[in-house]
Amino acid sequence: MKQWLKIMREEKGYTQESIAEKVGIAKTTYSSYEQGHRRPSITTAKKLAVVLGVPWTIFFDNEVRKTYVFNKEVSK
């Protein structure tokens, strides 16, 4: 998750702390998602998806992540 999650967060102008607050989780928990140490629960993934404007399944499907991030980078 590392790279794309950080990119998406930064594109929206959020800090790790601000996005964690919006989703209702600890900053350390969110940080562990970005570092690739943990994956969010489905409930948390759905909340993160709303905040970031991405499909919630992106947190669980490697192919979706690669395609989504690739398409975002190509369109810039």
C-alpha atoms as a PDB file:
ATOM      1  CA  MET A   1       0.000   0.000   0.000  1.00  0.00           C
ATOM      2  CA  LYS A   2       2.866   2.299   0.795  1.00  0.00           C
ATOM      3  CA  GLN A   3       3.394   4.351  -2.318  1.00  0.00           C
ATOM      4  CA  TRP A   4      -0.109   4.818  -3.684  1.00  0.00           C
ATOM      5  CA  LEU A   5      -1.703   5.510  -0.301  1.00  0.00           C
ATOM      6  CA  LYS A   6       0.815   8.234   0.490  1.00  0.00           C
ATOM      7  CA  ILE A   7       0.378   9.743  -2.984  1.00  0.00           C
ATOM      8  CA  MET A   8      -3.412   9.796  -2.657  1.00  0.00           C
ATOM      9  CA  ARG A   9      -3.230  11.356   0.818  1.00  0.00           C
ATOM     10  CA  GLU A  10      -0.807  14.048  -0.286  1.00  0.00           C
ATOM     11  CA  GLU A  11      -2.867  14.838  -3.412  1.00  0.00           C
ATOM     12  CA  LYS A  12      -5.812  15.573  -1.134  1.00  0.00           C
ATOM     13  CA  GLY A  13      -3.620  17.768   1.100  1.00  0.00           C
ATOM     14  CA  TYR A  14      -3.983  15.623   4.218  1.00  0.00           C
ATOM     15  CA  THR A  15      -1.411  14.842   6.845  1.00  0.00           C
ATOM     16  CA  GLN A  16      -1.379  11.370   8.352  1.00  0.00           C
ATOM     17  CA  GLU A  17      -2.903  12.843  11.484  1.00  0.00           C
ATOM     18  CA  SER A  18      -5.708  14.688   9.670  1.00  0.00           C
ATOM     19  CA  ILE A  19      -6.772  11.697   7.590  1.00  0.00           C
ATOM     20  CA  ALA A  20      -6.673   9.421  10.643  1.00  0.00           C
ATOM     21  CA  GLU A  21      -8.902  11.892  12.484  1.00  0.00           C
ATOM     22  CA  LYS A  22     -11.387  12.055   9.587  1.00  0.00           C
ATOM     23  CA  VAL A  23     -11.610   8.263   9.513  1.00  0.00           C
ATOM     24  CA  GLY A  24     -11.698   7.848  13.301  1.00  0.00           C
ATOM     25  CA  ILE A  25      -8.502   5.843  13.780  1.00  0.00           C
ATOM     26  CA  ALA A  26      -5.197   6.490  15.527  1.00  0.00           C
ATOM     27  CA  LYS A  27      -2.435   8.172  13.528  1.00  0.00           C
ATOM     28  CA  THR A  28      -0.171   5.216  14.309  1.00  0.00           C
ATOM     29  CA  THR A  29      -2.752   2.856  12.808  1.00  0.00           C
ATOM     30  CA  TYR A  30      -2.982   4.918   9.634  1.00  0.00           C
ATOM     31  CA  SER A  31       0.808   5.160   9.476  1.00  0.00           C
ATOM     32  CA  SER A  32       1.053   1.367   9.627  1.00  0.00           C
ATOM     33  CA  TYR A  33      -1.200   1.188   6.521  1.00  0.00           C
ATOM     34  CA  GLU A  34       1.078   3.543   4.608  1.00  0.00           C
ATOM     35  CA  GLN A  35       4.135   1.607   5.711  1.00  0.00           C
ATOM     36  CA  GLY A  36       2.585  -1.638   4.521  1.00  0.00           C
ATOM     37  CA  HIS A  37       2.646  -3.261   7.962  1.00  0.00           C
ATOM     38  CA  ARG A  38      -1.136  -3.590   8.242  1.00  0.00           C
ATOM     39  CA  ARG A  39      -4.257  -3.534   6.107  1.00  0.00           C
ATOM     40  CA  PRO A  40      -7.400  -1.716   7.179  1.00  0.00           C
ATOM     41  CA  SER A  41     -10.570  -3.564   8.095  1.00  0.00           C
ATOM     42  CA  ILE A  42     -13.332  -3.423   5.509  1.00  0.00           C
ATOM     43  CA  THR A  43     -15.137  -0.786   7.577  1.00  0.00           C
ATOM     44  CA  THR A  44     -12.029   1.384   7.803  1.00  0.00           C
ATOM     45  CA  ALA A  45     -11.206   0.821   4.131  1.00  0.00           C
ATOM     46  CA  LYS A  46     -14.668   2.097   3.192  1.00  0.00           C
ATOM     47  CA  LYS A  47     -14.174   5.231   5.312  1.00  0.00           C
ATOM     48  CA  LEU A  48     -10.718   5.847   3.851  1.00  0.00           C
ATOM     49  CA  ALA A  49     -12.095   5.346   0.361  1.00  0.00           C
ATOM     50  CA  VAL A  50     -14.718   8.035   0.888  1.00  0.00           C
ATOM     51  CA  VAL A  51     -12.130  10.509   2.176  1.00  0.00           C
ATOM     52  CA  LEU A  52      -9.664   9.733  -0.630  1.00  0.00           C
ATOM     53  CA  GLY A  53     -12.238   9.370  -3.396  1.00  0.00           C
ATOM     54  CA  VAL A  54     -11.199   5.855  -4.423  1.00  0.00           C
ATOM     55  CA  PRO A  55     -13.014   2.509  -4.557  1.00  0.00           C
ATOM     56  CA  TRP A  56     -12.733   0.737  -1.178  1.00  0.00           C
ATOM     57  CA  THR A  57     -11.616  -2.492  -2.837  1.00  0.00           C
ATOM     58  CA  ILE A  58      -8.343  -0.818  -3.754  1.00  0.00           C
ATOM     59  CA  PHE A  59      -7.109  -1.708  -0.267  1.00  0.00           C
ATOM     60  CA  PHE A  60      -7.482  -5.441  -0.939  1.00  0.00           C
ATOM     61  CA  ASP A  61      -6.817  -6.026  -4.618  1.00  0.00           C
ATOM     62  CA  ASN A  62      -3.238  -5.675  -5.882  1.00  0.00           C
ATOM     63  CA  GLU A  63      -4.322  -5.472  -9.510  1.00  0.00           C
ATOM     64  CA  VAL A  64      -6.763  -2.652  -8.781  1.00  0.00           C
ATOM     65  CA  ARG A  65      -4.110  -0.693  -6.915  1.00  0.00           C
ATOM     66  CA  LYS A  66      -1.564  -1.007  -9.690  1.00  0.00           C
ATOM     67  CA  THR A  67      -4.053  -0.044 -12.380  1.00  0.00           C
ATOM     68  CA  TYR A  68      -5.481   2.891 -10.435  1.00  0.00           C
ATOM     69  CA  VAL A  69      -2.121   4.399  -9.486  1.00  0.00           C
ATOM     70  CA  PHE A  70      -0.737   3.839 -12.989  1.00  0.00           C
ATOM     71  CA  ASN A  71      -3.723   5.584 -14.550  1.00  0.00           C
ATOM     72  CA  LYS A  72      -3.428   8.491 -12.096  1.00  0.00           C
ATOM     73  CA  GLU A  73       0.261   8.956 -12.933  1.00  0.00           C
ATOM     74  CA  VAL A  74      -0.322   8.717 -16.683  1.00  0.00           C
ATOM     75  CA  SER A  75      -3.094  11.326 -16.608  1.00  0.00           C
ATOM     76  CA  LYS A  76      -0.921  13.937 -14.879  1.00  0.00           C
END
